[in-house]
Structures are given as C-alpha cells and as structure tokens.
Amino acid sequence: MNENGIWQRLTEKKELEPDLQEEIREQFGSRGAKALAAIDDGKVVKYLDFFVVEGRTSSYIVEDDFCTCSDFLYRGRTCWHLLAVRIALATGTYRSVDRWYQDQMRDSSR
C-alpha cells in the first residue's frame, strides 16, 4: 500500500491494528519502527503549543511538518519523530499535558 493509503486507513480506523503497523514498518523502514515504538512507549506528548517526542538522548519539538532533530534539519527529510506525531494524531495515541511546553521546561530547570 502506498503512503497516502496508510494515512487514510489510520484516519478512518483510528487505531493501530497489527496489519497496519506492519505496513508502516514496510513503507518507512526503521523510521516507521522507531515511530511505532515511541507511541507504544508513551513518548509522544501533546502540549498546548505543540508536540514533543522524547528520543533516546533528547526531546524534539514537532509542529506541523517541522521537527527540531538533526535528521530533519540537516537532511531535510521526514524523520521518525514526525511520523510518530502523524500516527499519534490519526489514532489519538499520545499523552496530553495541559501546559505550555515553555512553562514545563522553565519549571523543570529550577
């Protein structure tokens, strides 16, 4: 199935069925597998201002089709953080924090 078909099915079904997970892995390779793992591990977080995906070494801000990770910034391609947010948005599988990310970061640095 092509990429557009995956997003359409995700939007319609609103859940990550095993066959759809396999299609994501086939279509996106290791990026798809990492995105699915981040969702399973609860590492996709929606703040009031944007999404944050918690990676192994850092957290990355994702807004619309932009990510702060080096893969996106330097290679100009869709990273696994963006995929994770797209999947999470389509299926509702993300944690919500009723705060602005900036406030969260300021409070955690104290």
PDB file of N, CA and C in Angstrom:
ATOM      1  N   MET A   1       0.849  -1.176   0.000  1.00  0.00           N
ATOM      2  CA  MET A   1       0.000   0.000   0.000  1.00  0.00           C
ATOM      3  C   MET A   1       0.892   1.235   0.000  1.00  0.00           C
ATOM      4  N   ASN A   2       0.443   2.277  -0.618  1.00  0.00           N
ATOM      5  CA  ASN A   2       1.253   3.497  -0.660  1.00  0.00           C
ATOM      6  C   ASN A   2       1.063   4.306   0.620  1.00  0.00           C
ATOM      7  N   GLU A   3       1.912   5.317   0.756  1.00  0.00           N
ATOM      8  CA  GLU A   3       1.909   6.145   1.960  1.00  0.00           C
ATOM      9  C   GLU A   3       0.559   6.818   2.199  1.00  0.00           C
ATOM     10  N   ASN A   4      -0.057   7.357   1.155  1.00  0.00           N
ATOM     11  CA  ASN A   4      -1.352   8.022   1.316  1.00  0.00           C
ATOM     12  C   ASN A   4      -2.423   7.056   1.809  1.00  0.00           C
ATOM     13  N   GLY A   5      -2.360   5.825   1.340  1.00  0.00           N
ATOM     14  CA  GLY A   5      -3.319   4.817   1.794  1.00  0.00           C
ATOM     15  C   GLY A   5      -3.174   4.507   3.271  1.00  0.00           C
ATOM     16  N   ILE A   6      -1.949   4.506   3.760  1.00  0.00           N
ATOM     17  CA  ILE A   6      -1.717   4.273   5.185  1.00  0.00           C
ATOM     18  C   ILE A   6      -2.371   5.368   6.018  1.00  0.00           C
ATOM     19  N   TRP A   7      -2.143   6.625   5.634  1.00  0.00           N
ATOM     20  CA  TRP A   7      -2.713   7.740   6.407  1.00  0.00           C
ATOM     21  C   TRP A   7      -4.235   7.731   6.351  1.00  0.00           C
ATOM     22  N   GLN A   8      -4.773   7.385   5.202  1.00  0.00           N
ATOM     23  CA  GLN A   8      -6.227   7.327   5.068  1.00  0.00           C
ATOM     24  C   GLN A   8      -6.808   6.255   5.980  1.00  0.00           C
ATOM     25  N   ARG A   9      -6.196   5.073   5.973  1.00  0.00           N
ATOM     26  CA  ARG A   9      -6.688   3.990   6.832  1.00  0.00           C
ATOM     27  C   ARG A   9      -6.541   4.334   8.302  1.00  0.00           C
ATOM     28  N   LEU A  10      -5.426   4.960   8.674  1.00  0.00           N
ATOM     29  CA  LEU A  10      -5.242   5.365  10.067  1.00  0.00           C
ATOM     30  C   LEU A  10      -6.329   6.352  10.499  1.00  0.00           C
ATOM     31  N   THR A  11      -6.609   7.311   9.642  1.00  0.00           N
ATOM     32  CA  THR A  11      -7.618   8.322   9.949  1.00  0.00           C
ATOM     33  C   THR A  11      -9.007   7.696  10.060  1.00  0.00           C
ATOM     34  N   GLU A  12      -9.298   6.742   9.201  1.00  0.00           N
ATOM     35  CA  GLU A  12     -10.610   6.094   9.226  1.00  0.00           C
ATOM     36  C   GLU A  12     -10.769   5.165  10.420  1.00  0.00           C
ATOM     37  N   LYS A  13      -9.766   4.339  10.677  1.00  0.00           N
ATOM     38  CA  LYS A  13      -9.875   3.315  11.725  1.00  0.00           C
ATOM     39  C   LYS A  13      -9.588   3.852  13.116  1.00  0.00           C
ATOM     40  N   LYS A  14      -8.734   4.869  13.208  1.00  0.00           N
ATOM     41  CA  LYS A  14      -8.379   5.474  14.492  1.00  0.00           C
ATOM     42  C   LYS A  14      -7.701   4.505  15.456  1.00  0.00           C
ATOM     43  N   GLU A  15      -7.087   3.453  14.910  1.00  0.00           N
ATOM     44  CA  GLU A  15      -6.350   2.536  15.763  1.00  0.00           C
ATOM     45  C   GLU A  15      -5.228   1.868  14.970  1.00  0.00           C
ATOM     46  N   LEU A  16      -4.241   1.414  15.706  1.00  0.00           N
ATOM     47  CA  LEU A  16      -3.069   0.800  15.099  1.00  0.00           C
ATOM     48  C   LEU A  16      -3.208  -0.720  15.113  1.00  0.00           C
ATOM     49  N   GLU A  17      -3.900  -1.247  14.142  1.00  0.00           N
ATOM     50  CA  GLU A  17      -4.050  -2.688  14.032  1.00  0.00           C
ATOM     51  C   GLU A  17      -2.719  -3.296  13.599  1.00  0.00           C
ATOM     52  N   PRO A  18      -2.480  -4.563  13.940  1.00  0.00           N
ATOM     53  CA  PRO A  18      -1.203  -5.203  13.604  1.00  0.00           C
ATOM     54  C   PRO A  18      -0.843  -5.143  12.116  1.00  0.00           C
ATOM     55  N   ASP A  19      -1.817  -5.345  11.235  1.00  0.00           N
ATOM     56  CA  ASP A  19      -1.512  -5.306   9.806  1.00  0.00           C
ATOM     57  C   ASP A  19      -1.113  -3.898   9.359  1.00  0.00           C
ATOM     58  N   LEU A  20      -1.703  -2.890   9.965  1.00  0.00           N
ATOM     59  CA  LEU A  20      -1.360  -1.511   9.645  1.00  0.00           C
ATOM     60  C   LEU A  20       0.026  -1.159  10.192  1.00  0.00           C
ATOM     61  N   GLN A  21       0.341  -1.676  11.358  1.00  0.00           N
ATOM     62  CA  GLN A  21       1.685  -1.474  11.903  1.00  0.00           C
ATOM     63  C   GLN A  21       2.746  -2.081  10.981  1.00  0.00           C
ATOM     64  N   GLU A  22       2.456  -3.241  10.466  1.00  0.00           N
ATOM     65  CA  GLU A  22       3.393  -3.896   9.545  1.00  0.00           C
ATOM     66  C   GLU A  22       3.561  -3.086   8.259  1.00  0.00           C
ATOM     67  N   GLU A  23       2.478  -2.534   7.753  1.00  0.00           N
ATOM     68  CA  GLU A  23       2.567  -1.686   6.557  1.00  0.00           C
ATOM     69  C   GLU A  23       3.421  -0.451   6.826  1.00  0.00           C
ATOM     70  N   ILE A  24       3.280   0.121   8.006  1.00  0.00           N
ATOM     71  CA  ILE A  24       4.102   1.287   8.362  1.00  0.00           C
ATOM     72  C   ILE A  24       5.565   0.900   8.393  1.00  0.00           C
ATOM     73  N   ARG A  25       5.880  -0.257   8.981  1.00  0.00           N
ATOM     74  CA  ARG A  25       7.279  -0.726   9.012  1.00  0.00           C
ATOM     75  C   ARG A  25       7.809  -0.976   7.596  1.00  0.00           C
ATOM     76  N   GLU A  26       6.980  -1.557   6.739  1.00  0.00           N
ATOM     77  CA  GLU A  26       7.404  -1.828   5.362  1.00  0.00           C
ATOM     78  C   GLU A  26       7.608  -0.532   4.583  1.00  0.00           C
ATOM     79  N   GLN A  27       6.697   0.406   4.730  1.00  0.00           N
ATOM     80  CA  GLN A  27       6.756   1.663   3.977  1.00  0.00           C
ATOM     81  C   GLN A  27       7.905   2.555   4.446  1.00  0.00           C
ATOM     82  N   PHE A  28       8.119   2.647   5.766  1.00  0.00           N
ATOM     83  CA  PHE A  28       9.065   3.617   6.312  1.00  0.00           C
ATOM     84  C   PHE A  28      10.312   2.992   6.924  1.00  0.00           C
ATOM     85  N   GLY A  29      10.408   1.687   6.932  1.00  0.00           N
ATOM     86  CA  GLY A  29      11.605   1.016   7.442  1.00  0.00           C
ATOM     87  C   GLY A  29      11.858   1.309   8.912  1.00  0.00           C
ATOM     88  N   SER A  30      13.129   1.577   9.236  1.00  0.00           N
ATOM     89  CA  SER A  30      13.500   1.793  10.635  1.00  0.00           C
ATOM     90  C   SER A  30      12.837   3.038  11.217  1.00  0.00           C
ATOM     91  N   ARG A  31      12.574   4.042  10.377  1.00  0.00           N
ATOM     92  CA  ARG A  31      11.879   5.241  10.873  1.00  0.00           C
ATOM     93  C   ARG A  31      10.465   4.888  11.337  1.00  0.00           C
ATOM     94  N   GLY A  32       9.785   4.037  10.587  1.00  0.00           N
ATOM     95  CA  GLY A  32       8.455   3.594  10.981  1.00  0.00           C
ATOM     96  C   GLY A  32       8.477   2.775  12.260  1.00  0.00           C
ATOM     97  N   ALA A  33       9.474   1.886  12.372  1.00  0.00           N
ATOM     98  CA  ALA A  33       9.592   1.064  13.577  1.00  0.00           C
ATOM     99  C   ALA A  33       9.861   1.931  14.803  1.00  0.00           C
ATOM    100  N   LYS A  34      10.729   2.932  14.667  1.00  0.00           N
ATOM    101  CA  LYS A  34      11.022   3.836  15.789  1.00  0.00           C
ATOM    102  C   LYS A  34       9.796   4.661  16.161  1.00  0.00           C
ATOM    103  N   ALA A  35       9.049   5.105  15.169  1.00  0.00           N
ATOM    104  CA  ALA A  35       7.836   5.888  15.434  1.00  0.00           C
ATOM    105  C   ALA A  35       6.820   5.056  16.204  1.00  0.00           C
ATOM    106  N   LEU A  36       6.618   3.817  15.783  1.00  0.00           N
ATOM    107  CA  LEU A  36       5.673   2.942  16.467  1.00  0.00           C
ATOM    108  C   LEU A  36       6.131   2.638  17.891  1.00  0.00           C
ATOM    109  N   ALA A  37       7.433   2.439  18.070  1.00  0.00           N
ATOM    110  CA  ALA A  37       7.972   2.177  19.412  1.00  0.00           C
ATOM    111  C   ALA A  37       7.753   3.381  20.322  1.00  0.00           C
ATOM    112  N   ALA A  38       7.948   4.590  19.783  1.00  0.00           N
ATOM    113  CA  ALA A  38       7.738   5.801  20.585  1.00  0.00           C
ATOM    114  C   ALA A  38       6.287   5.899  21.032  1.00  0.00           C
ATOM    115  N   ILE A  39       5.371   5.542  20.162  1.00  0.00           N
ATOM    116  CA  ILE A  39       3.947   5.569  20.512  1.00  0.00           C
ATOM    117  C   ILE A  39       3.667   4.522  21.587  1.00  0.00           C
ATOM    118  N   ASP A  40       4.179   3.311  21.388  1.00  0.00           N
ATOM    119  CA  ASP A  40       3.972   2.243  22.373  1.00  0.00           C
ATOM    120  C   ASP A  40       4.542   2.614  23.743  1.00  0.00           C
ATOM    121  N   ASP A  41       5.653   3.337  23.750  1.00  0.00           N
ATOM    122  CA  ASP A  41       6.329   3.711  24.993  1.00  0.00           C
ATOM    123  C   ASP A  41       5.792   5.009  25.598  1.00  0.00           C
ATOM    124  N   GLY A  42       4.783   5.611  24.986  1.00  0.00           N
ATOM    125  CA  GLY A  42       4.195   6.837  25.511  1.00  0.00           C
ATOM    126  C   GLY A  42       5.104   8.050  25.412  1.00  0.00           C
ATOM    127  N   LYS A  43       5.941   8.089  24.373  1.00  0.00           N
ATOM    128  CA  LYS A  43       6.909   9.174  24.233  1.00  0.00           C
ATOM    129  C   LYS A  43       6.453  10.305  23.316  1.00  0.00           C
ATOM    130  N   VAL A  44       5.204  10.260  22.884  1.00  0.00           N
ATOM    131  CA  VAL A  44       4.634  11.329  22.075  1.00  0.00           C
ATOM    132  C   VAL A  44       3.707  12.132  22.989  1.00  0.00           C
ATOM    133  N   VAL A  45       4.067  13.393  23.196  1.00  0.00           N
ATOM    134  CA  VAL A  45       3.357  14.220  24.177  1.00  0.00           C
ATOM    135  C   VAL A  45       2.841  15.480  23.496  1.00  0.00           C
ATOM    136  N   LYS A  46       1.568  15.752  23.704  1.00  0.00           N
ATOM    137  CA  LYS A  46       0.958  16.957  23.138  1.00  0.00           C
ATOM    138  C   LYS A  46       0.821  17.995  24.242  1.00  0.00           C
ATOM    139  N   TYR A  47       1.535  19.085  24.080  1.00  0.00           N
ATOM    140  CA  TYR A  47       1.412  20.239  24.964  1.00  0.00           C
ATOM    141  C   TYR A  47       0.412  21.211  24.339  1.00  0.00           C
ATOM    142  N   LEU A  48       0.131  22.306  24.998  1.00  0.00           N
ATOM    143  CA  LEU A  48      -0.811  23.282  24.459  1.00  0.00           C
ATOM    144  C   LEU A  48      -0.300  23.931  23.177  1.00  0.00           C
ATOM    145  N   ASP A  49       1.015  24.029  23.032  1.00  0.00           N
ATOM    146  CA  ASP A  49       1.572  24.728  21.871  1.00  0.00           C
ATOM    147  C   ASP A  49       2.047  23.809  20.752  1.00  0.00           C
ATOM    148  N   PHE A  50       2.528  22.629  21.056  1.00  0.00           N
ATOM    149  CA  PHE A  50       2.970  21.696  20.022  1.00  0.00           C
ATOM    150  C   PHE A  50       3.251  20.332  20.629  1.00  0.00           C
ATOM    151  N   PHE A  51       3.669  19.398  19.778  1.00  0.00           N
ATOM    152  CA  PHE A  51       4.020  18.053  20.224  1.00  0.00           C
ATOM    153  C   PHE A  51       5.507  18.005  20.567  1.00  0.00           C
ATOM    154  N   VAL A  52       5.838  17.115  21.486  1.00  0.00           N
ATOM    155  CA  VAL A  52       7.220  16.819  21.813  1.00  0.00           C
ATOM    156  C   VAL A  52       7.358  15.305  21.761  1.00  0.00           C
ATOM    157  N   VAL A  53       8.409  14.848  21.088  1.00  0.00           N
ATOM    158  CA  VAL A  53       8.704  13.420  21.040  1.00  0.00           C
ATOM    159  C   VAL A  53       9.994  13.207  21.812  1.00  0.00           C
ATOM    160  N   GLU A  54       9.915  12.354  22.804  1.00  0.00           N
ATOM    161  CA  GLU A  54      11.074  12.060  23.632  1.00  0.00           C
ATOM    162  C   GLU A  54      11.920  10.993  22.951  1.00  0.00           C
ATOM    163  N   GLY A  55      13.131  11.383  22.568  1.00  0.00           N
ATOM    164  CA  GLY A  55      14.055  10.449  21.940  1.00  0.00           C
ATOM    165  C   GLY A  55      14.975   9.813  22.964  1.00  0.00           C
ATOM    166  N   ARG A  56      15.972   9.065  22.499  1.00  0.00           N
ATOM    167  CA  ARG A  56      16.913   8.409  23.403  1.00  0.00           C
ATOM    168  C   ARG A  56      17.761   9.416  24.168  1.00  0.00           C
ATOM    169  N   THR A  57      18.211  10.463  23.475  1.00  0.00           N
ATOM    170  CA  THR A  57      19.147  11.398  24.095  1.00  0.00           C
ATOM    171  C   THR A  57      18.585  12.792  24.295  1.00  0.00           C
ATOM    172  N   SER A  58      17.464  13.085  23.675  1.00  0.00           N
ATOM    173  CA  SER A  58      16.900  14.419  23.759  1.00  0.00           C
ATOM    174  C   SER A  58      15.412  14.377  23.418  1.00  0.00           C
ATOM    175  N   SER A  59      14.749  15.492  23.638  1.00  0.00           N
ATOM    176  CA  SER A  59      13.352  15.621  23.235  1.00  0.00           C
ATOM    177  C   SER A  59      13.290  16.581  22.056  1.00  0.00           C
ATOM    178  N   TYR A  60      12.380  16.307  21.134  1.00  0.00           N
ATOM    179  CA  TYR A  60      12.300  17.088  19.907  1.00  0.00           C
ATOM    180  C   TYR A  60      10.914  17.687  19.739  1.00  0.00           C
ATOM    181  N   ILE A  61      10.896  18.950  19.380  1.00  0.00           N
ATOM    182  CA  ILE A  61       9.648  19.660  19.145  1.00  0.00           C
ATOM    183  C   ILE A  61       9.190  19.373  17.723  1.00  0.00           C
ATOM    184  N   VAL A  62       7.921  19.008  17.589  1.00  0.00           N
ATOM    185  CA  VAL A  62       7.327  18.744  16.283  1.00  0.00           C
ATOM    186  C   VAL A  62       6.095  19.627  16.154  1.00  0.00           C
ATOM    187  N   GLU A  63       6.080  20.424  15.096  1.00  0.00           N
ATOM    188  CA  GLU A  63       4.940  21.288  14.829  1.00  0.00           C
ATOM    189  C   GLU A  63       4.670  21.269  13.329  1.00  0.00           C
ATOM    190  N   ASP A  64       3.455  20.906  12.979  1.00  0.00           N
ATOM    191  CA  ASP A  64       3.071  20.756  11.570  1.00  0.00           C
ATOM    192  C   ASP A  64       4.043  19.796  10.902  1.00  0.00           C
ATOM    193  N   ASP A  65       4.726  20.226   9.857  1.00  0.00           N
ATOM    194  CA  ASP A  65       5.688  19.362   9.172  1.00  0.00           C
ATOM    195  C   ASP A  65       7.113  19.794   9.464  1.00  0.00           C
ATOM    196  N   PHE A  66       7.393  20.142  10.710  1.00  0.00           N
ATOM    197  CA  PHE A  66       8.718  20.596  11.121  1.00  0.00           C
ATOM    198  C   PHE A  66       9.135  19.860  12.390  1.00  0.00           C
ATOM    199  N   CYS A  67      10.413  19.489  12.458  1.00  0.00           N
ATOM    200  CA  CYS A  67      10.966  18.856  13.648  1.00  0.00           C
ATOM    201  C   CYS A  67      12.323  19.484  13.945  1.00  0.00           C
ATOM    202  N   THR A  68      12.669  19.554  15.222  1.00  0.00           N
ATOM    203  CA  THR A  68      13.942  20.166  15.620  1.00  0.00           C
ATOM    204  C   THR A  68      15.112  19.188  15.615  1.00  0.00           C
ATOM    205  N   CYS A  69      14.910  17.946  15.214  1.00  0.00           N
ATOM    206  CA  CYS A  69      16.020  16.981  15.202  1.00  0.00           C
ATOM    207  C   CYS A  69      16.966  17.239  14.030  1.00  0.00           C
ATOM    208  N   SER A  70      18.186  16.750  14.178  1.00  0.00           N
ATOM    209  CA  SER A  70      19.192  16.983  13.129  1.00  0.00           C
ATOM    210  C   SER A  70      18.855  16.254  11.837  1.00  0.00           C
ATOM    211  N   ASP A  71      18.200  15.107  11.916  1.00  0.00           N
ATOM    212  CA  ASP A  71      17.823  14.381  10.700  1.00  0.00           C
ATOM    213  C   ASP A  71      16.937  15.252   9.822  1.00  0.00           C
ATOM    214  N   PHE A  72      15.989  15.919  10.437  1.00  0.00           N
ATOM    215  CA  PHE A  72      15.102  16.804   9.688  1.00  0.00           C
ATOM    216  C   PHE A  72      15.825  18.085   9.270  1.00  0.00           C
ATOM    217  N   LEU A  73      16.536  18.704  10.194  1.00  0.00           N
ATOM    218  CA  LEU A  73      17.166  19.999   9.924  1.00  0.00           C
ATOM    219  C   LEU A  73      18.270  19.922   8.882  1.00  0.00           C
ATOM    220  N   TYR A  74      19.091  18.883   8.937  1.00  0.00           N
ATOM    221  CA  TYR A  74      20.252  18.813   8.046  1.00  0.00           C
ATOM    222  C   TYR A  74      20.019  17.975   6.801  1.00  0.00           C
ATOM    223  N   ARG A  75      19.159  16.972   6.908  1.00  0.00           N
ATOM    224  CA  ARG A  75      18.922  16.121   5.744  1.00  0.00           C
ATOM    225  C   ARG A  75      17.652  16.493   5.010  1.00  0.00           C
ATOM    226  N   GLY A  76      16.799  17.284   5.665  1.00  0.00           N
ATOM    227  CA  GLY A  76      15.578  17.749   5.016  1.00  0.00           C
ATOM    228  C   GLY A  76      14.601  16.656   4.668  1.00  0.00           C
ATOM    229  N   ARG A  77      14.531  15.647   5.499  1.00  0.00           N
ATOM    230  CA  ARG A  77      13.614  14.550   5.201  1.00  0.00           C
ATOM    231  C   ARG A  77      12.705  14.272   6.399  1.00  0.00           C
ATOM    232  N   THR A  78      11.686  13.515   6.160  1.00  0.00           N
ATOM    233  CA  THR A  78      10.751  13.152   7.215  1.00  0.00           C
ATOM    234  C   THR A  78      11.448  12.229   8.206  1.00  0.00           C
ATOM    235  N   CYS A  79      11.538  12.668   9.440  1.00  0.00           N
ATOM    236  CA  CYS A  79      12.186  11.889  10.492  1.00  0.00           C
ATOM    237  C   CYS A  79      11.157  11.010  11.207  1.00  0.00           C
ATOM    238  N   TRP A  80      11.637  10.143  12.063  1.00  0.00           N
ATOM    239  CA  TRP A  80      10.716   9.263  12.776  1.00  0.00           C
ATOM    240  C   TRP A  80       9.871  10.027  13.794  1.00  0.00           C
ATOM    241  N   HIS A  81      10.348  11.171  14.256  1.00  0.00           N
ATOM    242  CA  HIS A  81       9.571  11.985  15.195  1.00  0.00           C
ATOM    243  C   HIS A  81       8.304  12.510  14.513  1.00  0.00           C
ATOM    244  N   LEU A  82       8.473  12.997  13.281  1.00  0.00           N
ATOM    245  CA  LEU A  82       7.309  13.464  12.505  1.00  0.00           C
ATOM    246  C   LEU A  82       6.327  12.325  12.244  1.00  0.00           C
ATOM    247  N   LEU A  83       6.859  11.166  11.884  1.00  0.00           N
ATOM    248  CA  LEU A  83       5.990  10.013  11.643  1.00  0.00           C
ATOM    249  C   LEU A  83       5.221   9.653  12.906  1.00  0.00           C
ATOM    250  N   ALA A  84       5.909   9.663  14.042  1.00  0.00           N
ATOM    251  CA  ALA A  84       5.250   9.318  15.308  1.00  0.00           C
ATOM    252  C   ALA A  84       4.098  10.274  15.602  1.00  0.00           C
ATOM    253  N   VAL A  85       4.321  11.561  15.377  1.00  0.00           N
ATOM    254  CA  VAL A  85       3.260  12.534  15.636  1.00  0.00           C
ATOM    255  C   VAL A  85       2.105  12.349  14.655  1.00  0.00           C
ATOM    256  N   ARG A  86       2.408  12.111  13.396  1.00  0.00           N
ATOM    257  CA  ARG A  86       1.334  11.895  12.414  1.00  0.00           C
ATOM    258  C   ARG A  86       0.480  10.678  12.783  1.00  0.00           C
ATOM    259  N   ILE A  87       1.148   9.612  13.177  1.00  0.00           N
ATOM    260  CA  ILE A  87       0.429   8.392  13.564  1.00  0.00           C
ATOM    261  C   ILE A  87      -0.381   8.657  14.835  1.00  0.00           C
ATOM    262  N   ALA A  88       0.248   9.305  15.807  1.00  0.00           N
ATOM    263  CA  ALA A  88      -0.426   9.593  17.081  1.00  0.00           C
ATOM    264  C   ALA A  88      -1.649  10.487  16.880  1.00  0.00           C
ATOM    265  N   LEU A  89      -1.523  11.486  16.019  1.00  0.00           N
ATOM    266  CA  LEU A  89      -2.654  12.366  15.726  1.00  0.00           C
ATOM    267  C   LEU A  89      -3.809  11.594  15.090  1.00  0.00           C
ATOM    268  N   ALA A  90      -3.488  10.737  14.152  1.00  0.00           N
ATOM    269  CA  ALA A  90      -4.531   9.988  13.438  1.00  0.00           C
ATOM    270  C   ALA A  90      -5.240   8.995  14.345  1.00  0.00           C
ATOM    271  N   THR A  91      -4.523   8.476  15.341  1.00  0.00           N
ATOM    272  CA  THR A  91      -5.099   7.432  16.186  1.00  0.00           C
ATOM    273  C   THR A  91      -5.443   7.904  17.605  1.00  0.00           C
ATOM    274  N   GLY A  92      -5.018   9.106  17.953  1.00  0.00           N
ATOM    275  CA  GLY A  92      -5.265   9.617  19.298  1.00  0.00           C
ATOM    276  C   GLY A  92      -4.393   8.973  20.361  1.00  0.00           C
ATOM    277  N   THR A  93      -3.281   8.394  19.946  1.00  0.00           N
ATOM    278  CA  THR A  93      -2.402   7.679  20.879  1.00  0.00           C
ATOM    279  C   THR A  93      -1.222   8.553  21.294  1.00  0.00           C
ATOM    280  N   TYR A  94      -1.516   9.536  22.126  1.00  0.00           N
ATOM    281  CA  TYR A  94      -0.483  10.410  22.668  1.00  0.00           C
ATOM    282  C   TYR A  94      -0.904  10.854  24.058  1.00  0.00           C
ATOM    283  N   ARG A  95       0.083  11.276  24.818  1.00  0.00           N
ATOM    284  CA  ARG A  95      -0.211  11.837  26.143  1.00  0.00           C
ATOM    285  C   ARG A  95      -0.484  13.317  25.970  1.00  0.00           C
ATOM    286  N   SER A  96      -1.430  13.838  26.723  1.00  0.00           N
ATOM    287  CA  SER A  96      -1.718  15.272  26.695  1.00  0.00           C
ATOM    288  C   SER A  96      -1.262  15.905  28.004  1.00  0.00           C
ATOM    289  N   VAL A  97      -0.625  17.048  27.879  1.00  0.00           N
ATOM    290  CA  VAL A  97      -0.205  17.826  29.038  1.00  0.00           C
ATOM    291  C   VAL A  97      -0.870  19.186  28.898  1.00  0.00           C
ATOM    292  N   ASP A  98      -1.635  19.562  29.882  1.00  0.00           N
ATOM    293  CA  ASP A  98      -2.394  20.802  29.826  1.00  0.00           C
ATOM    294  C   ASP A  98      -1.531  21.982  30.290  1.00  0.00           C
ATOM    295  N   ARG A  99      -0.394  22.138  29.626  1.00  0.00           N
ATOM    296  CA  ARG A  99       0.548  23.216  29.922  1.00  0.00           C
ATOM    297  C   ARG A  99       1.238  23.616  28.626  1.00  0.00           C
ATOM    298  N   TRP A 100       1.827  24.794  28.645  1.00  0.00           N
ATOM    299  CA  TRP A 100       2.676  25.219  27.547  1.00  0.00           C
ATOM    300  C   TRP A 100       4.029  24.558  27.751  1.00  0.00           C
ATOM    301  N   TYR A 101       4.621  24.079  26.687  1.00  0.00           N
ATOM    302  CA  TYR A 101       5.916  23.398  26.787  1.00  0.00           C
ATOM    303  C   TYR A 101       6.970  24.322  27.396  1.00  0.00           C
ATOM    304  N   GLN A 102       6.951  25.561  27.015  1.00  0.00           N
ATOM    305  CA  GLN A 102       7.910  26.540  27.539  1.00  0.00           C
ATOM    306  C   GLN A 102       7.807  26.618  29.068  1.00  0.00           C
ATOM    307  N   ASP A 103       6.598  26.623  29.610  1.00  0.00           N
ATOM    308  CA  ASP A 103       6.411  26.643  31.063  1.00  0.00           C
ATOM    309  C   ASP A 103       6.934  25.378  31.710  1.00  0.00           C
ATOM    310  N   GLN A 104       6.697  24.266  31.066  1.00  0.00           N
ATOM    311  CA  GLN A 104       7.164  22.970  31.565  1.00  0.00           C
ATOM    312  C   GLN A 104       8.693  22.968  31.653  1.00  0.00           C
ATOM    313  N   MET A 105       9.366  23.468  30.621  1.00  0.00           N
ATOM    314  CA  MET A 105      10.831  23.489  30.598  1.00  0.00           C
ATOM    315  C   MET A 105      11.377  24.455  31.652  1.00  0.00           C
ATOM    316  N   ARG A 106      10.742  25.602  31.799  1.00  0.00           N
ATOM    317  CA  ARG A 106      11.206  26.586  32.779  1.00  0.00           C
ATOM    318  C   ARG A 106      11.097  26.009  34.199  1.00  0.00           C
ATOM    319  N   ASP A 107       9.984  25.352  34.490  1.00  0.00           N
ATOM    320  CA  ASP A 107       9.780  24.790  35.821  1.00  0.00           C
ATOM    321  C   ASP A 107      10.733  23.632  36.107  1.00  0.00           C
ATOM    322  N   SER A 108      11.064  22.862  35.081  1.00  0.00           N
ATOM    323  CA  SER A 108      11.950  21.705  35.302  1.00  0.00           C
ATOM    324  C   SER A 108      13.405  22.129  35.464  1.00  0.00           C
ATOM    325  N   SER A 109      13.758  23.337  35.062  1.00  0.00           N
ATOM    326  CA  SER A 109      15.150  23.782  35.178  1.00  0.00           C
ATOM    327  C   SER A 109      15.422  24.442  36.532  1.00  0.00           C
ATOM    328  N   ARG A 110      14.414  24.576  37.335  1.00  0.00           N
ATOM    329  CA  ARG A 110      14.577  25.193  38.664  1.00  0.00           C
ATOM    330  C   ARG A 110      15.080  24.206  39.668  1.00  0.00           C
TER     331      ARG A 110
END
